[in-house]
Amino acid sequence: MIETNLLPWASLLLILPALACAGANASPTPPPTATAAINQLAFEIQTATPTFTPVLAFVDVPTYTPDPNATPTPVVTPTLVITATTTAESAQTPIPAEEAAAAAPPATPSPLPTVPLAEPLQGGAWDFEDGFETWRNPHGDTCPAGNLAKGWTAFTTRDRYGSACLNQTNWQANVYSGHNAQEITFAYVGIEAGIFKTAATIPGHRYTIEAYMRREFSPAKVAMSLGVDLSGGGDWQATSVQWFPWNEDVDDAWGKTSVTIKANGDKMTIFLKGSHPYPEPGGTLRLDAISIVDLGPEAQ
């Protein structure tokens, strides 16, 4: 809104009485004409500078009072989600074979097929508990009460003094287990003699063979050994027989030997042999408690 300044009008109202007083005291001058006064007033009004005074309107703003029955408006908080974008170029970049192999998880080895193990061969004929049969010396030498355990085969060489004799012994001091042991004599002869037996095997399986011997002292010690023929042959002098020295080489006590082999056929032959280098007294052997345990195929 624009207001006209009334100050000139107020001034005029103040001036007019003063002029009247001054006119009374001063020398008489001719009074101005009405026309001149009106013109002067019009001039002052036209030349007056208009003044703009802003008017502020003060409005009473009501105080906000929340409505207890109003349903609250949920506040939505914006969440920035960053999505990784794979470009076609990076997706087509080949990974070197070395890096791919290193990053790949290690392959789990396939378990070996379960193969049933054969029942251990022990006791019975392997422990000389299946009885004995009459044994005849192959060289015609006289052997009183010659006996060989059932299921076994015997062999002996001969020197000019004679050959070995085989007998059954059941004297408990000469028996390791059970009631019987196989006896082989070497007194006063320089020979080799022993026994052997064939057993069924599974190709590729490993077997542990154990045996016990008790040897009498002799000035010419009887050397004991265990032989294995993986072809299942019956010739103790064949080149296919592998010989292993006795582990516990003792006199007048029970000594054990053990060897582990891998079968390559469906049978193998076990040999137990004593060698008396020259004729001397003593040297009699007692053999007992032979066993064969299937260990299964060799771990890969």
C-alpha atoms as a PDB file:
ATOM      1  CA  MET A   1       0.000   0.000   0.000  1.00  0.00           C
ATOM      2  CA  ILE A   2       1.245   3.569  -0.856  1.00  0.00           C
ATOM      3  CA  GLU A   3       0.456   6.445   1.584  1.00  0.00           C
ATOM      4  CA  THR A   4       0.601  10.162   0.552  1.00  0.00           C
ATOM      5  CA  ASN A   5       2.873  12.222   2.815  1.00  0.00           C
ATOM      6  CA  LEU A   6       0.606  14.807   4.637  1.00  0.00           C
ATOM      7  CA  LEU A   7       3.564  16.661   6.079  1.00  0.00           C
ATOM      8  CA  PRO A   8       3.238  19.592   3.614  1.00  0.00           C
ATOM      9  CA  TRP A   9      -0.387  20.006   4.603  1.00  0.00           C
ATOM     10  CA  ALA A  10       0.476  20.054   8.286  1.00  0.00           C
ATOM     11  CA  SER A  11       3.226  22.539   7.629  1.00  0.00           C
ATOM     12  CA  LEU A  12       0.824  24.761   5.762  1.00  0.00           C
ATOM     13  CA  LEU A  13      -1.610  24.692   8.641  1.00  0.00           C
ATOM     14  CA  LEU A  14       1.178  25.773  11.011  1.00  0.00           C
ATOM     15  CA  ILE A  15       2.468  28.466   8.652  1.00  0.00           C
ATOM     16  CA  LEU A  16      -0.871  30.091   8.055  1.00  0.00           C
ATOM     17  CA  PRO A  17      -1.416  31.278  11.677  1.00  0.00           C
ATOM     18  CA  ALA A  18       2.154  32.483  11.874  1.00  0.00           C
ATOM     19  CA  LEU A  19       1.695  34.416   8.738  1.00  0.00           C
ATOM     20  CA  ALA A  20      -1.409  35.909  10.173  1.00  0.00           C
ATOM     21  CA  CYS A  21       0.401  37.072  13.316  1.00  0.00           C
ATOM     22  CA  ALA A  22       3.296  38.399  11.322  1.00  0.00           C
ATOM     23  CA  GLY A  23       0.916  40.340   9.153  1.00  0.00           C
ATOM     24  CA  ALA A  24      -0.605  42.017  12.138  1.00  0.00           C
ATOM     25  CA  ASN A  25       2.746  43.324  13.396  1.00  0.00           C
ATOM     26  CA  ALA A  26       4.347  44.096  10.053  1.00  0.00           C
ATOM     27  CA  SER A  27       3.763  46.767   7.640  1.00  0.00           C
ATOM     28  CA  PRO A  28       0.692  46.162   5.790  1.00  0.00           C
ATOM     29  CA  THR A  29       1.269  44.310   2.576  1.00  0.00           C
ATOM     30  CA  PRO A  30      -1.274  43.371   0.213  1.00  0.00           C
ATOM     31  CA  PRO A  31      -2.600  39.860   1.088  1.00  0.00           C
ATOM     32  CA  PRO A  32      -1.961  37.178  -1.387  1.00  0.00           C
ATOM     33  CA  THR A  33      -4.706  36.280  -3.560  1.00  0.00           C
ATOM     34  CA  ALA A  34      -6.591  33.063  -3.054  1.00  0.00           C
ATOM     35  CA  THR A  35      -5.525  31.876  -6.413  1.00  0.00           C
ATOM     36  CA  ALA A  36      -1.844  32.238  -5.590  1.00  0.00           C
ATOM     37  CA  ALA A  37      -2.233  30.271  -2.351  1.00  0.00           C
ATOM     38  CA  ILE A  38      -4.017  27.458  -4.094  1.00  0.00           C
ATOM     39  CA  ASN A  39      -1.358  27.325  -6.801  1.00  0.00           C
ATOM     40  CA  GLN A  40       1.383  27.199  -4.192  1.00  0.00           C
ATOM     41  CA  LEU A  41      -0.340  24.343  -2.386  1.00  0.00           C
ATOM     42  CA  ALA A  42      -0.794  22.398  -5.618  1.00  0.00           C
ATOM     43  CA  PHE A  43       2.880  22.874  -6.468  1.00  0.00           C
ATOM     44  CA  GLU A  44       4.015  21.517  -3.120  1.00  0.00           C
ATOM     45  CA  ILE A  45       1.733  18.547  -3.406  1.00  0.00           C
ATOM     46  CA  GLN A  46       3.017  17.706  -6.908  1.00  0.00           C
ATOM     47  CA  THR A  47       6.648  18.039  -5.948  1.00  0.00           C
ATOM     48  CA  ALA A  48       6.368  16.038  -2.729  1.00  0.00           C
ATOM     49  CA  THR A  49       8.335  12.720  -2.799  1.00  0.00           C
ATOM     50  CA  PRO A  50       6.073   9.765  -2.105  1.00  0.00           C
ATOM     51  CA  THR A  51       7.238   7.549   0.775  1.00  0.00           C
ATOM     52  CA  PHE A  52       6.583   3.764   0.747  1.00  0.00           C
ATOM     53  CA  THR A  53       6.117   2.360   4.205  1.00  0.00           C
ATOM     54  CA  PRO A  54       5.879  -1.462   4.292  1.00  0.00           C
ATOM     55  CA  VAL A  55       3.117  -2.711   6.467  1.00  0.00           C
ATOM     56  CA  LEU A  56       3.732  -6.002   8.267  1.00  0.00           C
ATOM     57  CA  ALA A  57       0.676  -7.996   8.966  1.00  0.00           C
ATOM     58  CA  PHE A  58       0.996  -9.973  12.182  1.00  0.00           C
ATOM     59  CA  VAL A  59      -1.070 -13.132  12.080  1.00  0.00           C
ATOM     60  CA  ASP A  60      -1.652 -15.342  15.075  1.00  0.00           C
ATOM     61  CA  VAL A  61      -0.340 -18.844  14.170  1.00  0.00           C
ATOM     62  CA  PRO A  62      -2.200 -21.602  16.007  1.00  0.00           C
ATOM     63  CA  THR A  63      -0.127 -23.894  18.228  1.00  0.00           C
ATOM     64  CA  TYR A  64       0.160 -27.540  16.881  1.00  0.00           C
ATOM     65  CA  THR A  65      -1.466 -30.055  19.152  1.00  0.00           C
ATOM     66  CA  PRO A  66      -1.063 -33.758  18.052  1.00  0.00           C
ATOM     67  CA  ASP A  67      -4.243 -35.771  17.764  1.00  0.00           C
ATOM     68  CA  PRO A  68      -3.963 -38.798  20.089  1.00  0.00           C
ATOM     69  CA  ASN A  69      -6.443 -40.741  17.913  1.00  0.00           C
ATOM     70  CA  ALA A  70      -4.621 -40.125  14.667  1.00  0.00           C
ATOM     71  CA  THR A  71      -2.915 -43.120  12.913  1.00  0.00           C
ATOM     72  CA  PRO A  72       0.885 -42.575  12.878  1.00  0.00           C
ATOM     73  CA  THR A  73       2.365 -42.151   9.464  1.00  0.00           C
ATOM     74  CA  PRO A  74       5.303 -44.558   8.917  1.00  0.00           C
ATOM     75  CA  VAL A  75       8.610 -42.947   8.235  1.00  0.00           C
ATOM     76  CA  VAL A  76      10.336 -44.421   5.207  1.00  0.00           C
ATOM     77  CA  THR A  77      14.094 -44.393   5.428  1.00  0.00           C
ATOM     78  CA  PRO A  78      15.707 -44.669   2.016  1.00  0.00           C
ATOM     79  CA  THR A  79      18.355 -47.427   1.731  1.00  0.00           C
ATOM     80  CA  LEU A  80      21.174 -47.254  -0.729  1.00  0.00           C
ATOM     81  CA  VAL A  81      21.608 -50.580  -2.527  1.00  0.00           C
ATOM     82  CA  ILE A  82      24.775 -51.131  -4.525  1.00  0.00           C
ATOM     83  CA  THR A  83      24.566 -53.879  -7.134  1.00  0.00           C
ATOM     84  CA  ALA A  84      27.802 -55.198  -8.609  1.00  0.00           C
ATOM     85  CA  THR A  85      27.596 -55.452 -12.344  1.00  0.00           C
ATOM     86  CA  THR A  86      29.901 -57.780 -14.236  1.00  0.00           C
ATOM     87  CA  THR A  87      30.792 -56.535 -17.626  1.00  0.00           C
ATOM     88  CA  ALA A  88      30.758 -58.860 -20.569  1.00  0.00           C
ATOM     89  CA  GLU A  89      34.483 -58.289 -21.060  1.00  0.00           C
ATOM     90  CA  SER A  90      35.425 -59.436 -17.520  1.00  0.00           C
ATOM     91  CA  ALA A  91      33.069 -62.426 -17.723  1.00  0.00           C
ATOM     92  CA  GLN A  92      34.746 -63.601 -20.908  1.00  0.00           C
ATOM     93  CA  THR A  93      38.298 -63.277 -19.577  1.00  0.00           C
ATOM     94  CA  PRO A  94      39.714 -66.845 -19.328  1.00  0.00           C
ATOM     95  CA  ILE A  95      41.340 -67.977 -16.041  1.00  0.00           C
ATOM     96  CA  PRO A  96      44.777 -69.584 -16.411  1.00  0.00           C
ATOM     97  CA  ALA A  97      44.742 -73.327 -15.828  1.00  0.00           C
ATOM     98  CA  GLU A  98      47.276 -73.047 -12.988  1.00  0.00           C
ATOM     99  CA  GLU A  99      45.139 -70.503 -11.112  1.00  0.00           C
ATOM    100  CA  ALA A 100      41.960 -72.511 -11.721  1.00  0.00           C
ATOM    101  CA  ALA A 101      43.621 -75.658 -10.371  1.00  0.00           C
ATOM    102  CA  ALA A 102      44.899 -73.796  -7.302  1.00  0.00           C
ATOM    103  CA  ALA A 103      41.488 -72.236  -6.625  1.00  0.00           C
ATOM    104  CA  ALA A 104      39.557 -75.470  -7.087  1.00  0.00           C
ATOM    105  CA  PRO A 105      38.844 -77.450  -3.889  1.00  0.00           C
ATOM    106  CA  PRO A 106      40.931 -80.600  -3.498  1.00  0.00           C
ATOM    107  CA  ALA A 107      39.292 -83.651  -4.946  1.00  0.00           C
ATOM    108  CA  THR A 108      38.107 -86.195  -2.429  1.00  0.00           C
ATOM    109  CA  PRO A 109      39.762 -89.533  -3.182  1.00  0.00           C
ATOM    110  CA  SER A 110      37.342 -92.308  -3.944  1.00  0.00           C
ATOM    111  CA  PRO A 111      37.312 -94.915  -1.203  1.00  0.00           C
ATOM    112  CA  LEU A 112      38.822 -98.240  -2.077  1.00  0.00           C
ATOM    113  CA  PRO A 113      36.276-100.982  -2.619  1.00  0.00           C
ATOM    114  CA  THR A 114      35.780-103.098   0.459  1.00  0.00           C
ATOM    115  CA  VAL A 115      37.231-106.553  -0.071  1.00  0.00           C
ATOM    116  CA  PRO A 116      36.414-109.291   2.428  1.00  0.00           C
ATOM    117  CA  LEU A 117      39.461-110.619   4.251  1.00  0.00           C
ATOM    118  CA  ALA A 118      40.152-114.300   4.442  1.00  0.00           C
ATOM    119  CA  GLU A 119      39.853-115.964   7.819  1.00  0.00           C
ATOM    120  CA  PRO A 120      43.232-116.273   9.575  1.00  0.00           C
ATOM    121  CA  LEU A 121      44.939-119.622   9.103  1.00  0.00           C
ATOM    122  CA  GLN A 122      45.875-120.774  12.579  1.00  0.00           C
ATOM    123  CA  GLY A 123      45.226-123.611  14.985  1.00  0.00           C
ATOM    124  CA  GLY A 124      44.334-127.058  13.749  1.00  0.00           C
ATOM    125  CA  ALA A 125      46.864-128.345  11.219  1.00  0.00           C
ATOM    126  CA  TRP A 126      48.762-125.003  11.415  1.00  0.00           C
ATOM    127  CA  ASP A 127      49.300-125.664  15.124  1.00  0.00           C
ATOM    128  CA  PHE A 128      49.922-129.404  14.639  1.00  0.00           C
ATOM    129  CA  GLU A 129      46.726-130.248  16.477  1.00  0.00           C
ATOM    130  CA  ASP A 130      45.032-132.313  13.733  1.00  0.00           C
ATOM    131  CA  GLY A 131      47.036-135.424  14.556  1.00  0.00           C
ATOM    132  CA  PHE A 132      50.101-137.165  13.088  1.00  0.00           C
ATOM    133  CA  GLU A 133      50.740-139.866  10.503  1.00  0.00           C
ATOM    134  CA  THR A 134      53.551-142.347  10.091  1.00  0.00           C
ATOM    135  CA  TRP A 135      56.401-140.845   8.129  1.00  0.00           C
ATOM    136  CA  ARG A 136      58.884-142.907   6.169  1.00  0.00           C
ATOM    137  CA  ASN A 137      62.370-141.540   5.517  1.00  0.00           C
ATOM    138  CA  PRO A 138      62.820-141.023   1.743  1.00  0.00           C
ATOM    139  CA  HIS A 139      66.440-142.242   1.928  1.00  0.00           C
ATOM    140  CA  GLY A 140      65.556-145.508   3.663  1.00  0.00           C
ATOM    141  CA  ASP A 141      67.163-144.483   6.962  1.00  0.00           C
ATOM    142  CA  THR A 142      65.614-145.954  10.078  1.00  0.00           C
ATOM    143  CA  CYS A 143      63.681-143.450  12.164  1.00  0.00           C
ATOM    144  CA  PRO A 144      62.061-144.934  15.249  1.00  0.00           C
ATOM    145  CA  ALA A 145      58.491-143.691  15.671  1.00  0.00           C
ATOM    146  CA  GLY A 146      58.686-141.455  12.600  1.00  0.00           C
ATOM    147  CA  ASN A 147      55.633-139.183  12.533  1.00  0.00           C
ATOM    148  CA  LEU A 148      54.620-136.152  10.474  1.00  0.00           C
ATOM    149  CA  ALA A 149      51.747-133.762  11.278  1.00  0.00           C
ATOM    150  CA  LYS A 150      48.717-134.159   9.039  1.00  0.00           C
ATOM    151  CA  GLY A 151      48.508-131.712   6.133  1.00  0.00           C
ATOM    152  CA  TRP A 152      52.277-131.165   5.972  1.00  0.00           C
ATOM    153  CA  THR A 153      55.000-132.525   3.680  1.00  0.00           C
ATOM    154  CA  ALA A 154      58.596-133.183   4.820  1.00  0.00           C
ATOM    155  CA  PHE A 155      61.954-133.060   3.021  1.00  0.00           C
ATOM    156  CA  THR A 156      65.540-133.926   4.031  1.00  0.00           C
ATOM    157  CA  THR A 157      68.946-134.213   2.435  1.00  0.00           C
ATOM    158  CA  ARG A 158      71.500-136.912   3.397  1.00  0.00           C
ATOM    159  CA  ASP A 159      75.208-136.981   4.065  1.00  0.00           C
ATOM    160  CA  ARG A 160      77.354-140.055   4.551  1.00  0.00           C
ATOM    161  CA  TYR A 161      76.146-140.376   8.117  1.00  0.00           C
ATOM    162  CA  GLY A 162      72.440-140.258   7.405  1.00  0.00           C
ATOM    163  CA  SER A 163      69.464-137.891   7.194  1.00  0.00           C
ATOM    164  CA  ALA A 164      66.886-136.249   9.436  1.00  0.00           C
ATOM    165  CA  CYS A 165      64.079-137.938  11.318  1.00  0.00           C
ATOM    166  CA  LEU A 166      60.654-136.397  12.088  1.00  0.00           C
ATOM    167  CA  ASN A 167      58.677-137.094  15.240  1.00  0.00           C
ATOM    168  CA  GLN A 168      55.653-135.936  17.216  1.00  0.00           C
ATOM    169  CA  THR A 169      56.378-134.341  20.578  1.00  0.00           C
ATOM    170  CA  ASN A 170      53.809-133.675  23.254  1.00  0.00           C
ATOM    171  CA  TRP A 171      56.141-132.909  26.113  1.00  0.00           C
ATOM    172  CA  GLN A 172      54.852-129.515  27.241  1.00  0.00           C
ATOM    173  CA  ALA A 173      58.324-127.982  27.606  1.00  0.00           C
ATOM    174  CA  ASN A 174      58.705-128.553  23.842  1.00  0.00           C
ATOM    175  CA  VAL A 175      55.176-127.328  22.937  1.00  0.00           C
ATOM    176  CA  TYR A 176      54.441-123.617  22.419  1.00  0.00           C
ATOM    177  CA  SER A 177      50.640-123.858  22.154  1.00  0.00           C
ATOM    178  CA  GLY A 178      48.118-126.666  22.183  1.00  0.00           C
ATOM    179  CA  HIS A 179      49.257-130.197  22.930  1.00  0.00           C
ATOM    180  CA  ASN A 180      51.648-131.081  20.108  1.00  0.00           C
ATOM    181  CA  ALA A 181      54.661-129.793  18.177  1.00  0.00           C
ATOM    182  CA  GLN A 182      56.614-131.104  15.170  1.00  0.00           C
ATOM    183  CA  GLU A 183      60.141-132.321  15.907  1.00  0.00           C
ATOM    184  CA  ILE A 184      63.069-132.630  13.440  1.00  0.00           C
ATOM    185  CA  THR A 185      66.406-134.201  14.461  1.00  0.00           C
ATOM    186  CA  PHE A 186      69.880-133.124  13.191  1.00  0.00           C
ATOM    187  CA  ALA A 187      72.188-134.929  15.612  1.00  0.00           C
ATOM    188  CA  TYR A 188      75.427-136.182  14.052  1.00  0.00           C
ATOM    189  CA  VAL A 189      74.472-135.340  10.476  1.00  0.00           C
ATOM    190  CA  GLY A 190      75.275-132.334   8.319  1.00  0.00           C
ATOM    191  CA  ILE A 191      72.066-131.829   6.344  1.00  0.00           C
ATOM    192  CA  GLU A 192      69.080-129.637   5.519  1.00  0.00           C
ATOM    193  CA  ALA A 193      65.558-130.675   6.455  1.00  0.00           C
ATOM    194  CA  GLY A 194      62.125-129.174   6.988  1.00  0.00           C
ATOM    195  CA  ILE A 195      58.404-129.169   6.272  1.00  0.00           C
ATOM    196  CA  PHE A 196      56.035-127.213   4.013  1.00  0.00           C
ATOM    197  CA  LYS A 197      52.322-126.558   3.480  1.00  0.00           C
ATOM    198  CA  THR A 198      50.262-124.724   0.810  1.00  0.00           C
ATOM    199  CA  ALA A 199      47.616-122.099   1.596  1.00  0.00           C
ATOM    200  CA  ALA A 200      44.971-120.350  -0.508  1.00  0.00           C
ATOM    201  CA  THR A 201      45.497-116.608  -1.145  1.00  0.00           C
ATOM    202  CA  ILE A 202      43.758-113.651  -2.794  1.00  0.00           C
ATOM    203  CA  PRO A 203      45.881-111.943  -5.487  1.00  0.00           C
ATOM    204  CA  GLY A 204      46.980-108.473  -4.387  1.00  0.00           C
ATOM    205  CA  HIS A 205      46.366-109.103  -0.684  1.00  0.00           C
ATOM    206  CA  ARG A 206      49.138-108.836   1.872  1.00  0.00           C
ATOM    207  CA  TYR A 207      49.718-111.627   4.371  1.00  0.00           C
ATOM    208  CA  THR A 208      51.666-111.799   7.606  1.00  0.00           C
ATOM    209  CA  ILE A 209      53.186-115.209   8.362  1.00  0.00           C
ATOM    210  CA  GLU A 210      54.336-116.092  11.874  1.00  0.00           C
ATOM    211  CA  ALA A 211      55.978-119.220  13.290  1.00  0.00           C
ATOM    212  CA  TYR A 212      57.742-120.354  16.480  1.00  0.00           C
ATOM    213  CA  MET A 213      60.724-122.680  16.947  1.00  0.00           C
ATOM    214  CA  ARG A 214      62.647-124.084  19.891  1.00  0.00           C
ATOM    215  CA  ARG A 215      66.167-125.284  19.078  1.00  0.00           C
ATOM    216  CA  GLU A 216      68.609-127.391  21.099  1.00  0.00           C
ATOM    217  CA  PHE A 217      72.149-126.109  21.333  1.00  0.00           C
ATOM    218  CA  SER A 218      74.694-127.660  18.961  1.00  0.00           C
ATOM    219  CA  PRO A 219      78.380-126.762  18.421  1.00  0.00           C
ATOM    220  CA  ALA A 220      77.358-126.472  14.770  1.00  0.00           C
ATOM    221  CA  LYS A 221      74.325-124.219  15.103  1.00  0.00           C
ATOM    222  CA  VAL A 222      71.279-125.188  13.065  1.00  0.00           C
ATOM    223  CA  ALA A 223      70.389-122.136  10.962  1.00  0.00           C
ATOM    224  CA  MET A 224      66.639-121.577  10.787  1.00  0.00           C
ATOM    225  CA  SER A 225      64.761-119.875   7.920  1.00  0.00           C
ATOM    226  CA  LEU A 226      61.216-119.349   6.641  1.00  0.00           C
ATOM    227  CA  GLY A 227      60.559-119.684   2.908  1.00  0.00           C
ATOM    228  CA  VAL A 228      57.624-118.508   0.747  1.00  0.00           C
ATOM    229  CA  ASP A 229      56.817-119.646  -2.776  1.00  0.00           C
ATOM    230  CA  LEU A 230      54.204-117.253  -4.194  1.00  0.00           C
ATOM    231  CA  SER A 231      53.520-119.640  -7.046  1.00  0.00           C
ATOM    232  CA  GLY A 232      52.377-122.339  -4.620  1.00  0.00           C
ATOM    233  CA  GLY A 233      55.043-124.820  -5.706  1.00  0.00           C
ATOM    234  CA  GLY A 234      56.214-127.796  -3.641  1.00  0.00           C
ATOM    235  CA  ASP A 235      59.954-127.812  -4.399  1.00  0.00           C
ATOM    236  CA  TRP A 236      61.925-126.312  -1.525  1.00  0.00           C
ATOM    237  CA  GLN A 237      64.992-125.981  -3.789  1.00  0.00           C
ATOM    238  CA  ALA A 238      63.146-124.053  -6.547  1.00  0.00           C
ATOM    239  CA  THR A 239      64.314-120.528  -7.416  1.00  0.00           C
ATOM    240  CA  SER A 240      60.766-119.291  -6.882  1.00  0.00           C
ATOM    241  CA  VAL A 241      61.143-119.753  -3.095  1.00  0.00           C
ATOM    242  CA  GLN A 242      62.094-116.589  -1.152  1.00  0.00           C
ATOM    243  CA  TRP A 243      63.997-117.366   2.064  1.00  0.00           C
ATOM    244  CA  PHE A 244      63.958-115.166   5.166  1.00  0.00           C
ATOM    245  CA  PRO A 245      66.246-115.674   8.204  1.00  0.00           C
ATOM    246  CA  TRP A 246      64.588-116.323  11.566  1.00  0.00           C
ATOM    247  CA  ASN A 247      63.991-113.133  13.553  1.00  0.00           C
ATOM    248  CA  GLU A 248      64.602-114.473  17.067  1.00  0.00           C
ATOM    249  CA  ASP A 249      67.592-116.774  16.632  1.00  0.00           C
ATOM    250  CA  VAL A 250      67.885-118.365  20.084  1.00  0.00           C
ATOM    251  CA  ASP A 251      68.791-121.719  21.642  1.00  0.00           C
ATOM    252  CA  ASP A 252      66.754-123.615  24.229  1.00  0.00           C
ATOM    253  CA  ALA A 253      63.914-121.073  24.113  1.00  0.00           C
ATOM    254  CA  TRP A 254      61.003-120.239  21.872  1.00  0.00           C
ATOM    255  CA  GLY A 255      61.926-117.784  19.141  1.00  0.00           C
ATOM    256  CA  LYS A 256      59.373-116.138  16.831  1.00  0.00           C
ATOM    257  CA  THR A 257      59.763-115.104  13.217  1.00  0.00           C
ATOM    258  CA  SER A 258      57.412-112.978  11.115  1.00  0.00           C
ATOM    259  CA  VAL A 259      57.316-111.850   7.501  1.00  0.00           C
ATOM    260  CA  THR A 260      54.742-109.948   5.405  1.00  0.00           C
ATOM    261  CA  ILE A 261      54.366-110.699   1.704  1.00  0.00           C
ATOM    262  CA  LYS A 262      52.006-109.719  -1.125  1.00  0.00           C
ATOM    263  CA  ALA A 263      50.285-112.558  -2.950  1.00  0.00           C
ATOM    264  CA  ASN A 264      50.283-112.571  -6.737  1.00  0.00           C
ATOM    265  CA  GLY A 265      48.250-115.735  -7.225  1.00  0.00           C
ATOM    266  CA  ASP A 266      45.556-117.845  -5.629  1.00  0.00           C
ATOM    267  CA  LYS A 267      47.953-119.909  -3.483  1.00  0.00           C
ATOM    268  CA  MET A 268      51.358-119.849  -1.814  1.00  0.00           C
ATOM    269  CA  THR A 269      53.546-122.390  -0.029  1.00  0.00           C
ATOM    270  CA  ILE A 270      55.151-121.891   3.399  1.00  0.00           C
ATOM    271  CA  PHE A 271      58.501-123.634   4.129  1.00  0.00           C
ATOM    272  CA  LEU A 272      60.195-124.071   7.534  1.00  0.00           C
ATOM    273  CA  LYS A 273      63.806-125.251   7.191  1.00  0.00           C
ATOM    274  CA  GLY A 274      66.828-126.012   9.382  1.00  0.00           C
ATOM    275  CA  SER A 275      70.409-126.327   8.113  1.00  0.00           C
ATOM    276  CA  HIS A 276      73.057-128.205  10.145  1.00  0.00           C
ATOM    277  CA  PRO A 277      76.416-127.341   8.547  1.00  0.00           C
ATOM    278  CA  TYR A 278      78.338-130.453   9.687  1.00  0.00           C
ATOM    279  CA  PRO A 279      77.845-133.491  11.954  1.00  0.00           C
ATOM    280  CA  GLU A 280      77.685-132.497  15.592  1.00  0.00           C
ATOM    281  CA  PRO A 281      75.497-133.575  18.494  1.00  0.00           C
ATOM    282  CA  GLY A 282      72.369-131.634  19.396  1.00  0.00           C
ATOM    283  CA  GLY A 283      70.500-129.241  17.124  1.00  0.00           C
ATOM    284  CA  THR A 284      67.043-130.850  17.349  1.00  0.00           C
ATOM    285  CA  LEU A 285      64.211-128.478  16.342  1.00  0.00           C
ATOM    286  CA  ARG A 286      60.640-128.186  17.607  1.00  0.00           C
ATOM    287  CA  LEU A 287      58.184-126.175  15.418  1.00  0.00           C
ATOM    288  CA  ASP A 288      54.797-124.861  16.547  1.00  0.00           C
ATOM    289  CA  ALA A 289      52.026-122.237  16.195  1.00  0.00           C
ATOM    290  CA  ILE A 290      52.244-121.260  12.508  1.00  0.00           C
ATOM    291  CA  SER A 291      49.670-118.652  11.417  1.00  0.00           C
ATOM    292  CA  ILE A 292      48.796-116.652   8.290  1.00  0.00           C
ATOM    293  CA  VAL A 293      46.768-113.415   8.586  1.00  0.00           C
ATOM    294  CA  ASP A 294      45.179-111.657   5.610  1.00  0.00           C
ATOM    295  CA  LEU A 295      45.857-107.875   5.765  1.00  0.00           C
ATOM    296  CA  GLY A 296      43.905-107.047   2.612  1.00  0.00           C
ATOM    297  CA  PRO A 297      45.084-105.051  -0.391  1.00  0.00           C
ATOM    298  CA  GLU A 298      47.845-102.491   0.010  1.00  0.00           C
ATOM    299  CA  ALA A 299      46.598 -98.961   0.733  1.00  0.00           C
ATOM    300  CA  GLN A 300      46.890 -96.576  -2.247  1.00  0.00           C
END
